[in-house]
């Protein structure tokens, strides 16, 4: 019997759900740097946009507790509805189930807050009751402590969840640099969100391939003048 988890993620076989990336939820994250967390989930969202991945955005108690989803994230999907709910478990809301079913893809990539609550309950429920495969993006998710995040990831992995990182998802979707229809957009995303990797791409383009600098306008370089 074949194992569907051996299949590489493609733009045709996967969908994304972003759970509760809201300020009050982020305030409680202690498992990683919160600015890095925001960078990673926005990078993941932009990757999904590049590859036309069906994306569900779900929120909890926006006006009474959690606040509004990061504007940088919402601007990636300006027309996407926000599926508001009361339950900590997104699977408990019928709108979320309907959105996942409408995409028609069993591989569900998850990025959410907090790992040990909203991610954990959704993953277990969606696998048990919905028959979905869950791919948990560890560096676009956060817990209230490193232990909370790590042990929740371990629990989910033991249950069959596949752990991933956001850049791994991006490059798995791209797969081949000969795919020029997405190449330029992926390189732009890498430069903006991939840290040292993006810096390396900028360096290679400008210093090796003599491409222009990635700035809005050229900056004058004034030669060194020895002090007298």
C-alpha atoms as a PDB file:
ATOM      1  CA  UNK A   1       0.000   0.000   0.000  1.00  0.00           C
ATOM      2  CA  UNK A   2       1.406   3.396  -0.989  1.00  0.00           C
ATOM      3  CA  UNK A   3       2.038   6.072   1.613  1.00  0.00           C
ATOM      4  CA  UNK A   4       0.544   9.430   0.519  1.00  0.00           C
ATOM      5  CA  UNK A   5       2.952  11.265   2.828  1.00  0.00           C
ATOM      6  CA  UNK A   6       5.779  10.211   0.519  1.00  0.00           C
ATOM      7  CA  UNK A   7       4.278  12.432  -2.163  1.00  0.00           C
ATOM      8  CA  UNK A   8       6.066  15.753  -2.512  1.00  0.00           C
ATOM      9  CA  UNK A   9       3.891  18.816  -1.970  1.00  0.00           C
ATOM     10  CA  UNK A  10       2.817  20.398  -5.244  1.00  0.00           C
ATOM     11  CA  UNK A  11       0.675  23.414  -6.119  1.00  0.00           C
ATOM     12  CA  UNK A  12      -1.980  20.945  -7.247  1.00  0.00           C
ATOM     13  CA  UNK A  13      -2.204  18.622  -4.243  1.00  0.00           C
ATOM     14  CA  UNK A  14      -2.107  20.946  -1.224  1.00  0.00           C
ATOM     15  CA  UNK A  15      -3.980  23.735   0.522  1.00  0.00           C
ATOM     16  CA  UNK A  16      -3.109  26.095   3.367  1.00  0.00           C
ATOM     17  CA  UNK A  17      -4.897  27.106   6.552  1.00  0.00           C
ATOM     18  CA  UNK A  18      -3.673  30.052   8.639  1.00  0.00           C
ATOM     19  CA  UNK A  19      -5.045  29.896  12.175  1.00  0.00           C
ATOM     20  CA  UNK A  20      -5.304  32.853  14.558  1.00  0.00           C
ATOM     21  CA  UNK A  21      -2.312  34.936  13.557  1.00  0.00           C
ATOM     22  CA  UNK A  22      -3.671  37.801  15.623  1.00  0.00           C
ATOM     23  CA  UNK A  23      -1.895  40.249  17.953  1.00  0.00           C
ATOM     24  CA  UNK A  24      -3.145  38.977  21.307  1.00  0.00           C
ATOM     25  CA  UNK A  25      -2.237  35.425  20.325  1.00  0.00           C
ATOM     26  CA  UNK A  26       1.215  36.560  19.190  1.00  0.00           C
ATOM     27  CA  UNK A  27       1.763  38.429  22.480  1.00  0.00           C
ATOM     28  CA  UNK A  28       1.696  35.070  24.267  1.00  0.00           C
ATOM     29  CA  UNK A  29       4.257  33.392  22.009  1.00  0.00           C
ATOM     30  CA  UNK A  30       7.521  32.616  23.801  1.00  0.00           C
ATOM     31  CA  UNK A  31       8.808  29.731  21.674  1.00  0.00           C
ATOM     32  CA  UNK A  32      10.530  31.922  19.061  1.00  0.00           C
ATOM     33  CA  UNK A  33      11.166  35.537  18.181  1.00  0.00           C
ATOM     34  CA  UNK A  34       7.804  37.075  17.326  1.00  0.00           C
ATOM     35  CA  UNK A  35       9.104  39.280  14.529  1.00  0.00           C
ATOM     36  CA  UNK A  36      10.643  36.191  12.908  1.00  0.00           C
ATOM     37  CA  UNK A  37       7.334  34.397  13.374  1.00  0.00           C
ATOM     38  CA  UNK A  38       5.485  37.203  11.585  1.00  0.00           C
ATOM     39  CA  UNK A  39       8.083  37.262   8.802  1.00  0.00           C
ATOM     40  CA  UNK A  40       7.712  33.526   8.311  1.00  0.00           C
ATOM     41  CA  UNK A  41       3.929  33.369   8.160  1.00  0.00           C
ATOM     42  CA  UNK A  42       3.766  36.326   5.765  1.00  0.00           C
ATOM     43  CA  UNK A  43       6.437  34.652   3.630  1.00  0.00           C
ATOM     44  CA  UNK A  44       4.404  31.438   3.639  1.00  0.00           C
ATOM     45  CA  UNK A  45       1.271  33.361   2.639  1.00  0.00           C
ATOM     46  CA  UNK A  46       3.110  35.055  -0.231  1.00  0.00           C
ATOM     47  CA  UNK A  47       4.355  31.649  -1.374  1.00  0.00           C
ATOM     48  CA  UNK A  48       0.781  30.367  -1.411  1.00  0.00           C
ATOM     49  CA  UNK A  49      -0.219  33.401  -3.457  1.00  0.00           C
ATOM     50  CA  UNK A  50       2.521  32.749  -6.014  1.00  0.00           C
ATOM     51  CA  UNK A  51       1.386  29.168  -6.556  1.00  0.00           C
ATOM     52  CA  UNK A  52      -2.373  29.836  -6.331  1.00  0.00           C
ATOM     53  CA  UNK A  53      -2.767  27.599  -3.281  1.00  0.00           C
ATOM     54  CA  UNK A  54      -6.296  27.560  -1.818  1.00  0.00           C
ATOM     55  CA  UNK A  55      -5.950  29.364   1.504  1.00  0.00           C
ATOM     56  CA  UNK A  56      -8.276  29.488   4.503  1.00  0.00           C
ATOM     57  CA  UNK A  57      -7.793  32.191   7.143  1.00  0.00           C
ATOM     58  CA  UNK A  58      -9.527  31.587  10.445  1.00  0.00           C
ATOM     59  CA  UNK A  59      -9.740  33.875  13.480  1.00  0.00           C
ATOM     60  CA  UNK A  60     -10.973  33.605  17.044  1.00  0.00           C
ATOM     61  CA  UNK A  61     -12.756  36.276  19.098  1.00  0.00           C
ATOM     62  CA  UNK A  62     -11.288  39.106  17.036  1.00  0.00           C
ATOM     63  CA  UNK A  63     -13.184  42.004  18.580  1.00  0.00           C
ATOM     64  CA  UNK A  64     -13.412  40.754  22.155  1.00  0.00           C
ATOM     65  CA  UNK A  65      -9.921  39.362  22.738  1.00  0.00           C
ATOM     66  CA  UNK A  66      -7.497  38.470  19.959  1.00  0.00           C
ATOM     67  CA  UNK A  67      -7.477  41.554  17.742  1.00  0.00           C
ATOM     68  CA  UNK A  68      -7.315  41.712  13.977  1.00  0.00           C
ATOM     69  CA  UNK A  69      -5.114  39.527  11.778  1.00  0.00           C
ATOM     70  CA  UNK A  70      -1.787  41.159  10.839  1.00  0.00           C
ATOM     71  CA  UNK A  71      -2.406  43.678   8.022  1.00  0.00           C
ATOM     72  CA  UNK A  72       0.699  42.427   6.191  1.00  0.00           C
ATOM     73  CA  UNK A  73      -0.931  39.002   6.058  1.00  0.00           C
ATOM     74  CA  UNK A  74      -4.356  40.245   5.011  1.00  0.00           C
ATOM     75  CA  UNK A  75      -2.848  42.323   2.215  1.00  0.00           C
ATOM     76  CA  UNK A  76      -1.519  39.133   0.613  1.00  0.00           C
ATOM     77  CA  UNK A  77      -5.123  37.944   0.214  1.00  0.00           C
ATOM     78  CA  UNK A  78      -7.153  41.175   0.022  1.00  0.00           C
ATOM     79  CA  UNK A  79     -10.362  39.417  -1.016  1.00  0.00           C
ATOM     80  CA  UNK A  80     -10.187  36.461   1.370  1.00  0.00           C
ATOM     81  CA  UNK A  81     -12.951  36.155   3.975  1.00  0.00           C
ATOM     82  CA  UNK A  82     -11.943  35.727   7.607  1.00  0.00           C
ATOM     83  CA  UNK A  83     -13.658  32.734   9.161  1.00  0.00           C
ATOM     84  CA  UNK A  84     -14.455  33.885  12.694  1.00  0.00           C
ATOM     85  CA  UNK A  85     -15.213  31.340  15.417  1.00  0.00           C
ATOM     86  CA  UNK A  86     -15.534  30.887  19.154  1.00  0.00           C
ATOM     87  CA  UNK A  87     -13.962  27.449  19.548  1.00  0.00           C
ATOM     88  CA  UNK A  88     -10.236  27.038  20.145  1.00  0.00           C
ATOM     89  CA  UNK A  89     -10.436  24.172  17.637  1.00  0.00           C
ATOM     90  CA  UNK A  90     -11.022  25.427  14.083  1.00  0.00           C
ATOM     91  CA  UNK A  91     -12.398  22.013  13.147  1.00  0.00           C
ATOM     92  CA  UNK A  92     -15.423  22.719  15.349  1.00  0.00           C
ATOM     93  CA  UNK A  93     -16.607  25.458  12.977  1.00  0.00           C
ATOM     94  CA  UNK A  94     -18.579  24.298   9.941  1.00  0.00           C
ATOM     95  CA  UNK A  95     -17.336  27.197   7.796  1.00  0.00           C
ATOM     96  CA  UNK A  96     -13.780  25.932   8.200  1.00  0.00           C
ATOM     97  CA  UNK A  97     -14.726  22.376   7.280  1.00  0.00           C
ATOM     98  CA  UNK A  98     -16.602  23.635   4.232  1.00  0.00           C
ATOM     99  CA  UNK A  99     -13.654  25.755   3.097  1.00  0.00           C
ATOM    100  CA  UNK A 100     -11.256  22.820   3.330  1.00  0.00           C
ATOM    101  CA  UNK A 101     -13.681  20.514   1.534  1.00  0.00           C
ATOM    102  CA  UNK A 102     -14.239  23.061  -1.251  1.00  0.00           C
ATOM    103  CA  UNK A 103     -10.512  23.052  -2.045  1.00  0.00           C
ATOM    104  CA  UNK A 104     -10.718  19.305  -2.616  1.00  0.00           C
ATOM    105  CA  UNK A 105      -7.161  18.597  -1.462  1.00  0.00           C
ATOM    106  CA  UNK A 106      -6.245  16.228   1.357  1.00  0.00           C
ATOM    107  CA  UNK A 107      -2.812  17.686   2.100  1.00  0.00           C
ATOM    108  CA  UNK A 108      -3.422  20.582   4.500  1.00  0.00           C
ATOM    109  CA  UNK A 109      -0.524  22.863   5.418  1.00  0.00           C
ATOM    110  CA  UNK A 110      -1.034  24.556   8.791  1.00  0.00           C
ATOM    111  CA  UNK A 111       0.451  27.713  10.336  1.00  0.00           C
ATOM    112  CA  UNK A 112      -1.152  28.913  13.533  1.00  0.00           C
ATOM    113  CA  UNK A 113      -1.145  30.168  17.108  1.00  0.00           C
ATOM    114  CA  UNK A 114      -0.809  28.588  19.552  1.00  0.00           C
ATOM    115  CA  UNK A 115       0.857  25.322  18.600  1.00  0.00           C
ATOM    116  CA  UNK A 116      -0.235  23.488  21.743  1.00  0.00           C
ATOM    117  CA  UNK A 117      -3.892  24.506  21.506  1.00  0.00           C
ATOM    118  CA  UNK A 118      -5.349  25.654  18.187  1.00  0.00           C
ATOM    119  CA  UNK A 119      -2.873  23.821  15.971  1.00  0.00           C
ATOM    120  CA  UNK A 120      -2.866  20.638  18.013  1.00  0.00           C
ATOM    121  CA  UNK A 121      -6.636  20.242  18.308  1.00  0.00           C
ATOM    122  CA  UNK A 122      -7.252  21.119  14.668  1.00  0.00           C
ATOM    123  CA  UNK A 123      -4.602  18.711  13.410  1.00  0.00           C
ATOM    124  CA  UNK A 124      -5.810  15.746  15.446  1.00  0.00           C
ATOM    125  CA  UNK A 125      -9.469  16.385  14.643  1.00  0.00           C
ATOM    126  CA  UNK A 126      -8.939  16.979  10.918  1.00  0.00           C
ATOM    127  CA  UNK A 127      -6.967  13.749  10.616  1.00  0.00           C
ATOM    128  CA  UNK A 128      -9.383  11.677  12.687  1.00  0.00           C
ATOM    129  CA  UNK A 129     -12.700  13.019  11.425  1.00  0.00           C
ATOM    130  CA  UNK A 130     -11.816  14.491   8.033  1.00  0.00           C
ATOM    131  CA  UNK A 131      -9.189  12.090   6.744  1.00  0.00           C
ATOM    132  CA  UNK A 132      -6.773  14.947   6.003  1.00  0.00           C
ATOM    133  CA  UNK A 133      -2.979  14.782   5.956  1.00  0.00           C
ATOM    134  CA  UNK A 134      -1.551  17.578   8.099  1.00  0.00           C
ATOM    135  CA  UNK A 135       1.726  19.360   7.349  1.00  0.00           C
ATOM    136  CA  UNK A 136       2.588  21.584  10.316  1.00  0.00           C
ATOM    137  CA  UNK A 137       4.802  24.584   9.575  1.00  0.00           C
ATOM    138  CA  UNK A 138       6.804  24.741  12.794  1.00  0.00           C
ATOM    139  CA  UNK A 139       8.516  28.090  12.192  1.00  0.00           C
ATOM    140  CA  UNK A 140       5.268  29.827  11.183  1.00  0.00           C
ATOM    141  CA  UNK A 141       3.587  28.624  14.379  1.00  0.00           C
ATOM    142  CA  UNK A 142       4.309  29.487  17.990  1.00  0.00           C
ATOM    143  CA  UNK A 143       3.573  28.326  21.530  1.00  0.00           C
ATOM    144  CA  UNK A 144       3.472  29.944  24.933  1.00  0.00           C
ATOM    145  CA  UNK A 145       6.866  28.432  25.754  1.00  0.00           C
ATOM    146  CA  UNK A 146       9.517  26.503  23.867  1.00  0.00           C
ATOM    147  CA  UNK A 147       8.451  23.389  25.765  1.00  0.00           C
ATOM    148  CA  UNK A 148       4.792  23.954  24.886  1.00  0.00           C
ATOM    149  CA  UNK A 149       5.646  24.261  21.198  1.00  0.00           C
ATOM    150  CA  UNK A 150       8.163  21.413  21.097  1.00  0.00           C
ATOM    151  CA  UNK A 151       6.093  18.873  23.014  1.00  0.00           C
ATOM    152  CA  UNK A 152       3.001  19.721  21.023  1.00  0.00           C
ATOM    153  CA  UNK A 153       4.969  19.187  17.814  1.00  0.00           C
ATOM    154  CA  UNK A 154       6.135  15.830  19.188  1.00  0.00           C
ATOM    155  CA  UNK A 155       2.589  14.814  20.080  1.00  0.00           C
ATOM    156  CA  UNK A 156       1.365  15.699  16.596  1.00  0.00           C
ATOM    157  CA  UNK A 157       4.274  13.933  14.905  1.00  0.00           C
ATOM    158  CA  UNK A 158       3.524  10.789  16.916  1.00  0.00           C
ATOM    159  CA  UNK A 159      -0.041  11.034  15.634  1.00  0.00           C
ATOM    160  CA  UNK A 160       1.117  11.294  12.018  1.00  0.00           C
ATOM    161  CA  UNK A 161       1.519  15.012  11.386  1.00  0.00           C
ATOM    162  CA  UNK A 162       4.390  15.934   9.049  1.00  0.00           C
ATOM    163  CA  UNK A 163       6.637  18.749  10.420  1.00  0.00           C
ATOM    164  CA  UNK A 164       7.898  21.372   7.974  1.00  0.00           C
ATOM    165  CA  UNK A 165       9.333  24.885   7.755  1.00  0.00           C
ATOM    166  CA  UNK A 166       7.894  27.664   5.608  1.00  0.00           C
ATOM    167  CA  UNK A 167      10.854  27.830   3.236  1.00  0.00           C
ATOM    168  CA  UNK A 168      10.722  24.071   2.793  1.00  0.00           C
ATOM    169  CA  UNK A 169       7.097  24.433   1.682  1.00  0.00           C
ATOM    170  CA  UNK A 170       8.028  27.202  -0.758  1.00  0.00           C
ATOM    171  CA  UNK A 171      10.857  25.255  -2.376  1.00  0.00           C
ATOM    172  CA  UNK A 172       8.845  22.051  -2.505  1.00  0.00           C
ATOM    173  CA  UNK A 173       6.165  23.899  -4.465  1.00  0.00           C
ATOM    174  CA  UNK A 174       8.816  25.372  -6.807  1.00  0.00           C
ATOM    175  CA  UNK A 175      10.727  22.068  -7.088  1.00  0.00           C
ATOM    176  CA  UNK A 176      12.574  22.911 -10.309  1.00  0.00           C
ATOM    177  CA  UNK A 177      14.313  26.201 -11.117  1.00  0.00           C
ATOM    178  CA  UNK A 178      13.452  25.588 -14.766  1.00  0.00           C
ATOM    179  CA  UNK A 179       9.850  26.472 -13.890  1.00  0.00           C
ATOM    180  CA  UNK A 180      10.185  30.039 -15.081  1.00  0.00           C
ATOM    181  CA  UNK A 181       6.527  30.973 -14.593  1.00  0.00           C
ATOM    182  CA  UNK A 182       7.126  31.199 -10.839  1.00  0.00           C
ATOM    183  CA  UNK A 183      10.909  31.689 -10.723  1.00  0.00           C
ATOM    184  CA  UNK A 184      11.024  35.481 -10.558  1.00  0.00           C
ATOM    185  CA  UNK A 185       8.288  35.696  -7.920  1.00  0.00           C
ATOM    186  CA  UNK A 186       9.997  33.053  -5.774  1.00  0.00           C
ATOM    187  CA  UNK A 187      13.327  34.872  -6.003  1.00  0.00           C
ATOM    188  CA  UNK A 188      11.647  38.146  -5.019  1.00  0.00           C
ATOM    189  CA  UNK A 189      10.057  36.430  -2.034  1.00  0.00           C
ATOM    190  CA  UNK A 190      13.337  34.817  -0.987  1.00  0.00           C
ATOM    191  CA  UNK A 191      15.129  38.178  -1.053  1.00  0.00           C
ATOM    192  CA  UNK A 192      12.469  39.756   1.144  1.00  0.00           C
ATOM    193  CA  UNK A 193      11.800  36.995   3.682  1.00  0.00           C
ATOM    194  CA  UNK A 194      14.572  34.366   3.662  1.00  0.00           C
ATOM    195  CA  UNK A 195      17.236  36.078   5.736  1.00  0.00           C
ATOM    196  CA  UNK A 196      20.787  34.986   4.898  1.00  0.00           C
ATOM    197  CA  UNK A 197      19.565  32.971   1.909  1.00  0.00           C
ATOM    198  CA  UNK A 198      17.961  36.098   0.475  1.00  0.00           C
ATOM    199  CA  UNK A 199      21.087  38.148   1.182  1.00  0.00           C
ATOM    200  CA  UNK A 200      23.089  35.507  -0.675  1.00  0.00           C
ATOM    201  CA  UNK A 201      20.791  35.734  -3.685  1.00  0.00           C
ATOM    202  CA  UNK A 202      21.185  39.526  -3.742  1.00  0.00           C
ATOM    203  CA  UNK A 203      24.951  39.132  -3.506  1.00  0.00           C
ATOM    204  CA  UNK A 204      25.111  36.566  -6.304  1.00  0.00           C
ATOM    205  CA  UNK A 205      22.890  38.607  -8.597  1.00  0.00           C
ATOM    206  CA  UNK A 206      24.788  41.878  -8.134  1.00  0.00           C
ATOM    207  CA  UNK A 207      28.379  40.732  -7.645  1.00  0.00           C
ATOM    208  CA  UNK A 208      28.519  37.649  -9.858  1.00  0.00           C
ATOM    209  CA  UNK A 209      25.866  38.317 -12.492  1.00  0.00           C
ATOM    210  CA  UNK A 210      26.230  42.121 -12.372  1.00  0.00           C
ATOM    211  CA  UNK A 211      22.510  42.734 -11.968  1.00  0.00           C
ATOM    212  CA  UNK A 212      21.437  46.167 -10.705  1.00  0.00           C
ATOM    213  CA  UNK A 213      20.937  46.586  -6.984  1.00  0.00           C
ATOM    214  CA  UNK A 214      17.462  45.864  -5.610  1.00  0.00           C
ATOM    215  CA  UNK A 215      16.644  49.430  -4.668  1.00  0.00           C
ATOM    216  CA  UNK A 216      14.000  51.872  -5.810  1.00  0.00           C
ATOM    217  CA  UNK A 217      16.697  54.084  -7.334  1.00  0.00           C
ATOM    218  CA  UNK A 218      20.492  53.843  -7.693  1.00  0.00           C
ATOM    219  CA  UNK A 219      22.503  55.349  -4.844  1.00  0.00           C
ATOM    220  CA  UNK A 220      25.603  57.385  -5.530  1.00  0.00           C
ATOM    221  CA  UNK A 221      28.780  55.780  -4.203  1.00  0.00           C
ATOM    222  CA  UNK A 222      31.277  58.438  -3.131  1.00  0.00           C
ATOM    223  CA  UNK A 223      34.866  57.118  -3.314  1.00  0.00           C
ATOM    224  CA  UNK A 224      37.041  56.985  -0.223  1.00  0.00           C
ATOM    225  CA  UNK A 225      39.085  60.094   0.554  1.00  0.00           C
ATOM    226  CA  UNK A 226      42.030  59.653   2.957  1.00  0.00           C
ATOM    227  CA  UNK A 227      41.859  62.065   5.859  1.00  0.00           C
ATOM    228  CA  UNK A 228      44.601  64.705   5.974  1.00  0.00           C
END
